[in-house]
Amino acid sequence: MKRKILALAIVGLAAGASTVGAAEIAPGDVVYEDGAIAVSLTGQPGDPARGREVLGSRSLGNCVACHAVSEMSDIPFHGEIGPMLDGAGDRWTEAELRGIVANAKEMFPGSMMPSFYRVDGYTRPGNAFTGKAADDTFGPLLTAQQIEDVVAYLVTLKE
């Protein structure tokens, strides 16, 4: 009985692992419709708690360097360059938020916001600022799941 349960658990984990990677959309394959991305980049729901961490972490998204979020009062030094994110979940749809986070320039061409899920079409810094040109291993600033997590957090920000 224990072996049967263990075998079923392993099969379930393997099946879950295979579907996670299969649904992910690569940065170059993202389809924008008026700046929005209608479908999840991963096929998995985002985690608002992890999205909040990405927004406030200097080593990840660091969104608060440019945006203020009242709910994130535990994070110091919010920026004033970008719009305040309070009420973002009321102002934009989930698809619009996904598009803005992935590549704001698709919706707002003059935006100073970085393209967090893009790998081509602009000059990237060299490897670790060595003065050497970037190679093909330079990926997007955030993963597809991190984009989904940020979107999941932003939709919770209501007026």
C-alpha atoms as a PDB file:
ATOM      1  CA  MET A   1       0.000   0.000   0.000  1.00  0.00           C
ATOM      2  CA  LYS A   2       2.800   2.437   0.920  1.00  0.00           C
ATOM      3  CA  ARG A   3       4.622   1.630  -2.334  1.00  0.00           C
ATOM      4  CA  LYS A   4       1.468   2.276  -4.350  1.00  0.00           C
ATOM      5  CA  ILE A   5       0.933   5.666  -2.687  1.00  0.00           C
ATOM      6  CA  LEU A   6       4.596   6.573  -3.185  1.00  0.00           C
ATOM      7  CA  ALA A   7       4.440   5.537  -6.844  1.00  0.00           C
ATOM      8  CA  LEU A   8       1.296   7.599  -7.407  1.00  0.00           C
ATOM      9  CA  ALA A   9       2.900  10.595  -5.711  1.00  0.00           C
ATOM     10  CA  ILE A  10       6.001  10.324  -7.910  1.00  0.00           C
ATOM     11  CA  VAL A  11       3.881  10.038 -11.059  1.00  0.00           C
ATOM     12  CA  GLY A  12       1.836  13.066  -9.954  1.00  0.00           C
ATOM     13  CA  LEU A  13       4.949  15.133  -9.291  1.00  0.00           C
ATOM     14  CA  ALA A  14       6.471  14.154 -12.624  1.00  0.00           C
ATOM     15  CA  ALA A  15       3.277  15.053 -14.460  1.00  0.00           C
ATOM     16  CA  GLY A  16       3.083  18.404 -12.662  1.00  0.00           C
ATOM     17  CA  ALA A  17       6.720  19.185 -13.398  1.00  0.00           C
ATOM     18  CA  SER A  18       6.294  18.425 -17.083  1.00  0.00           C
ATOM     19  CA  THR A  19       3.301  20.750 -17.446  1.00  0.00           C
ATOM     20  CA  VAL A  20       4.973  23.670 -15.679  1.00  0.00           C
ATOM     21  CA  GLY A  21       7.755  24.102 -18.238  1.00  0.00           C
ATOM     22  CA  ALA A  22       5.580  23.182 -21.220  1.00  0.00           C
ATOM     23  CA  ALA A  23       3.229  26.137 -20.789  1.00  0.00           C
ATOM     24  CA  GLU A  24       5.878  28.854 -20.367  1.00  0.00           C
ATOM     25  CA  ILE A  25       5.995  31.439 -23.129  1.00  0.00           C
ATOM     26  CA  ALA A  26       9.501  32.592 -24.096  1.00  0.00           C
ATOM     27  CA  PRO A  27      10.127  36.362 -24.185  1.00  0.00           C
ATOM     28  CA  GLY A  28      10.372  36.406 -27.986  1.00  0.00           C
ATOM     29  CA  ASP A  29       7.067  34.535 -28.367  1.00  0.00           C
ATOM     30  CA  VAL A  30       4.911  36.862 -26.239  1.00  0.00           C
ATOM     31  CA  VAL A  31       1.882  38.220 -28.091  1.00  0.00           C
ATOM     32  CA  TYR A  32       0.840  41.772 -27.168  1.00  0.00           C
ATOM     33  CA  GLU A  33      -2.642  43.091 -27.964  1.00  0.00           C
ATOM     34  CA  ASP A  34      -2.698  46.874 -27.523  1.00  0.00           C
ATOM     35  CA  GLY A  35       0.095  46.466 -24.966  1.00  0.00           C
ATOM     36  CA  ALA A  36      -1.700  43.753 -22.986  1.00  0.00           C
ATOM     37  CA  ILE A  37      -0.841  40.051 -22.701  1.00  0.00           C
ATOM     38  CA  ALA A  38      -4.083  38.100 -22.537  1.00  0.00           C
ATOM     39  CA  VAL A  39      -2.680  34.718 -21.475  1.00  0.00           C
ATOM     40  CA  SER A  40      -0.504  33.711 -18.539  1.00  0.00           C
ATOM     41  CA  LEU A  41       3.192  33.455 -19.395  1.00  0.00           C
ATOM     42  CA  THR A  42       3.441  30.226 -17.395  1.00  0.00           C
ATOM     43  CA  GLY A  43      -0.011  28.683 -17.289  1.00  0.00           C
ATOM     44  CA  GLN A  44       0.342  28.780 -13.504  1.00  0.00           C
ATOM     45  CA  PRO A  45      -1.288  31.264 -11.127  1.00  0.00           C
ATOM     46  CA  GLY A  46       0.893  33.962  -9.664  1.00  0.00           C
ATOM     47  CA  ASP A  47       1.654  34.203  -5.942  1.00  0.00           C
ATOM     48  CA  PRO A  48       0.869  37.698  -4.574  1.00  0.00           C
ATOM     49  CA  ALA A  49       3.279  37.267  -1.630  1.00  0.00           C
ATOM     50  CA  ARG A  50       6.167  36.436  -3.966  1.00  0.00           C
ATOM     51  CA  GLY A  51       5.088  39.281  -6.253  1.00  0.00           C
ATOM     52  CA  ARG A  52       5.284  41.715  -3.356  1.00  0.00           C
ATOM     53  CA  GLU A  53       8.812  40.470  -2.667  1.00  0.00           C
ATOM     54  CA  VAL A  54       9.830  41.039  -6.304  1.00  0.00           C
ATOM     55  CA  LEU A  55       8.390  44.574  -6.225  1.00  0.00           C
ATOM     56  CA  GLY A  56      10.311  45.520  -3.101  1.00  0.00           C
ATOM     57  CA  SER A  57      13.578  43.645  -3.604  1.00  0.00           C
ATOM     58  CA  ARG A  58      16.520  45.624  -4.926  1.00  0.00           C
ATOM     59  CA  SER A  59      17.985  42.444  -6.416  1.00  0.00           C
ATOM     60  CA  LEU A  60      14.795  41.518  -8.288  1.00  0.00           C
ATOM     61  CA  GLY A  61      12.243  43.955  -9.732  1.00  0.00           C
ATOM     62  CA  ASN A  62      12.997  46.911  -7.458  1.00  0.00           C
ATOM     63  CA  CYS A  63       9.760  48.525  -8.615  1.00  0.00           C
ATOM     64  CA  VAL A  64       9.638  50.749  -5.527  1.00  0.00           C
ATOM     65  CA  ALA A  65      12.722  52.564  -6.789  1.00  0.00           C
ATOM     66  CA  CYS A  66      10.355  54.364  -9.181  1.00  0.00           C
ATOM     67  CA  HIS A  67       6.855  53.651  -7.813  1.00  0.00           C
ATOM     68  CA  ALA A  68       5.249  54.263  -4.436  1.00  0.00           C
ATOM     69  CA  VAL A  69       2.958  51.671  -2.849  1.00  0.00           C
ATOM     70  CA  SER A  70       1.244  52.629   0.413  1.00  0.00           C
ATOM     71  CA  GLU A  71       0.762  48.982   1.398  1.00  0.00           C
ATOM     72  CA  MET A  72       4.554  48.495   1.298  1.00  0.00           C
ATOM     73  CA  SER A  73       5.345  50.994   4.062  1.00  0.00           C
ATOM     74  CA  ASP A  74       7.851  48.503   5.514  1.00  0.00           C
ATOM     75  CA  ILE A  75      10.087  49.103   2.466  1.00  0.00           C
ATOM     76  CA  PRO A  76      11.967  52.437   2.631  1.00  0.00           C
ATOM     77  CA  PHE A  77      12.609  54.970  -0.114  1.00  0.00           C
ATOM     78  CA  HIS A  78       9.764  54.675  -2.600  1.00  0.00           C
ATOM     79  CA  GLY A  79      10.239  56.488  -5.882  1.00  0.00           C
ATOM     80  CA  GLU A  80       8.202  59.238  -7.480  1.00  0.00           C
ATOM     81  CA  ILE A  81       9.187  58.797 -11.129  1.00  0.00           C
ATOM     82  CA  GLY A  82       6.477  56.275 -12.045  1.00  0.00           C
ATOM     83  CA  PRO A  83       2.804  56.416 -11.142  1.00  0.00           C
ATOM     84  CA  MET A  84       1.710  55.395  -7.667  1.00  0.00           C
ATOM     85  CA  LEU A  85       0.661  51.739  -7.699  1.00  0.00           C
ATOM     86  CA  ASP A  86      -2.158  52.131  -5.161  1.00  0.00           C
ATOM     87  CA  GLY A  87      -5.325  51.116  -7.000  1.00  0.00           C
ATOM     88  CA  ALA A  88      -3.439  49.444  -9.873  1.00  0.00           C
ATOM     89  CA  GLY A  89      -5.836  46.499  -9.654  1.00  0.00           C
ATOM     90  CA  ASP A  90      -8.739  48.877 -10.322  1.00  0.00           C
ATOM     91  CA  ARG A  91      -7.057  50.934 -13.072  1.00  0.00           C
ATOM     92  CA  TRP A  92      -5.830  48.089 -15.263  1.00  0.00           C
ATOM     93  CA  THR A  93      -6.964  44.578 -16.121  1.00  0.00           C
ATOM     94  CA  GLU A  94      -4.800  41.569 -15.331  1.00  0.00           C
ATOM     95  CA  ALA A  95      -3.843  41.332 -19.029  1.00  0.00           C
ATOM     96  CA  GLU A  96      -2.868  45.013 -19.124  1.00  0.00           C
ATOM     97  CA  LEU A  97      -0.807  44.679 -15.940  1.00  0.00           C
ATOM     98  CA  ARG A  98       0.960  41.624 -17.372  1.00  0.00           C
ATOM     99  CA  GLY A  99       1.832  43.605 -20.509  1.00  0.00           C
ATOM    100  CA  ILE A 100       3.004  46.635 -18.550  1.00  0.00           C
ATOM    101  CA  VAL A 101       5.254  44.577 -16.270  1.00  0.00           C
ATOM    102  CA  ALA A 102       6.654  42.467 -19.117  1.00  0.00           C
ATOM    103  CA  ASN A 103       7.351  45.404 -21.448  1.00  0.00           C
ATOM    104  CA  ALA A 104       5.704  48.739 -20.645  1.00  0.00           C
ATOM    105  CA  LYS A 105       6.966  50.215 -23.905  1.00  0.00           C
ATOM    106  CA  GLU A 106       4.361  48.163 -25.798  1.00  0.00           C
ATOM    107  CA  MET A 107       1.570  50.151 -24.113  1.00  0.00           C
ATOM    108  CA  PHE A 108       3.445  53.364 -23.321  1.00  0.00           C
ATOM    109  CA  PRO A 109       6.138  53.871 -26.020  1.00  0.00           C
ATOM    110  CA  GLY A 110       7.826  56.750 -24.182  1.00  0.00           C
ATOM    111  CA  SER A 111       8.012  54.914 -20.867  1.00  0.00           C
ATOM    112  CA  MET A 112      11.261  54.904 -18.896  1.00  0.00           C
ATOM    113  CA  MET A 113      10.216  51.621 -17.237  1.00  0.00           C
ATOM    114  CA  PRO A 114      12.588  48.730 -17.948  1.00  0.00           C
ATOM    115  CA  SER A 115      11.395  45.833 -20.077  1.00  0.00           C
ATOM    116  CA  PHE A 116      11.392  43.029 -17.531  1.00  0.00           C
ATOM    117  CA  TYR A 117      10.551  40.162 -19.922  1.00  0.00           C
ATOM    118  CA  ARG A 118      12.442  40.935 -23.101  1.00  0.00           C
ATOM    119  CA  VAL A 119      15.772  39.760 -24.472  1.00  0.00           C
ATOM    120  CA  ASP A 120      16.229  41.514 -27.807  1.00  0.00           C
ATOM    121  CA  GLY A 121      15.924  44.828 -29.554  1.00  0.00           C
ATOM    122  CA  TYR A 122      18.119  46.911 -27.262  1.00  0.00           C
ATOM    123  CA  THR A 123      21.677  47.207 -26.047  1.00  0.00           C
ATOM    124  CA  ARG A 124      22.419  45.261 -22.870  1.00  0.00           C
ATOM    125  CA  PRO A 125      25.405  45.884 -20.604  1.00  0.00           C
ATOM    126  CA  GLY A 126      28.371  43.545 -20.823  1.00  0.00           C
ATOM    127  CA  ASN A 127      28.859  40.585 -18.524  1.00  0.00           C
ATOM    128  CA  ALA A 128      29.184  41.887 -14.972  1.00  0.00           C
ATOM    129  CA  PHE A 129      30.324  45.259 -16.335  1.00  0.00           C
ATOM    130  CA  THR A 130      33.626  43.785 -17.519  1.00  0.00           C
ATOM    131  CA  GLY A 131      33.629  45.888 -20.656  1.00  0.00           C
ATOM    132  CA  LYS A 132      33.032  42.759 -22.737  1.00  0.00           C
ATOM    133  CA  ALA A 133      29.951  42.534 -24.907  1.00  0.00           C
ATOM    134  CA  ALA A 134      26.986  40.579 -23.579  1.00  0.00           C
ATOM    135  CA  ASP A 135      26.673  37.064 -24.925  1.00  0.00           C
ATOM    136  CA  ASP A 136      23.602  34.959 -25.662  1.00  0.00           C
ATOM    137  CA  THR A 137      23.244  33.880 -22.012  1.00  0.00           C
ATOM    138  CA  PHE A 138      21.801  37.250 -21.010  1.00  0.00           C
ATOM    139  CA  GLY A 139      18.173  36.473 -20.159  1.00  0.00           C
ATOM    140  CA  PRO A 140      15.204  38.620 -19.187  1.00  0.00           C
ATOM    141  CA  LEU A 141      15.360  40.688 -15.999  1.00  0.00           C
ATOM    142  CA  LEU A 142      12.504  38.657 -14.448  1.00  0.00           C
ATOM    143  CA  THR A 143      11.333  35.106 -15.111  1.00  0.00           C
ATOM    144  CA  ALA A 144       7.898  34.379 -16.522  1.00  0.00           C
ATOM    145  CA  GLN A 145       6.733  33.183 -13.090  1.00  0.00           C
ATOM    146  CA  GLN A 146       8.061  36.333 -11.416  1.00  0.00           C
ATOM    147  CA  ILE A 147       6.013  38.385 -13.907  1.00  0.00           C
ATOM    148  CA  GLU A 148       2.926  36.338 -12.982  1.00  0.00           C
ATOM    149  CA  ASP A 149       3.680  36.807  -9.269  1.00  0.00           C
ATOM    150  CA  VAL A 150       4.008  40.595  -9.651  1.00  0.00           C
ATOM    151  CA  VAL A 151       0.748  40.729 -11.604  1.00  0.00           C
ATOM    152  CA  ALA A 152      -0.969  38.644  -8.895  1.00  0.00           C
ATOM    153  CA  TYR A 153       0.177  41.186  -6.302  1.00  0.00           C
ATOM    154  CA  LEU A 154      -0.752  44.244  -8.382  1.00  0.00           C
ATOM    155  CA  VAL A 155      -4.335  43.045  -8.930  1.00  0.00           C
ATOM    156  CA  THR A 156      -4.755  43.025  -5.114  1.00  0.00           C
ATOM    157  CA  LEU A 157      -3.993  46.766  -4.942  1.00  0.00           C
ATOM    158  CA  LYS A 158      -7.474  48.273  -4.946  1.00  0.00           C
ATOM    159  CA  GLU A 159      -8.612  51.821  -4.140  1.00  0.00           C
END
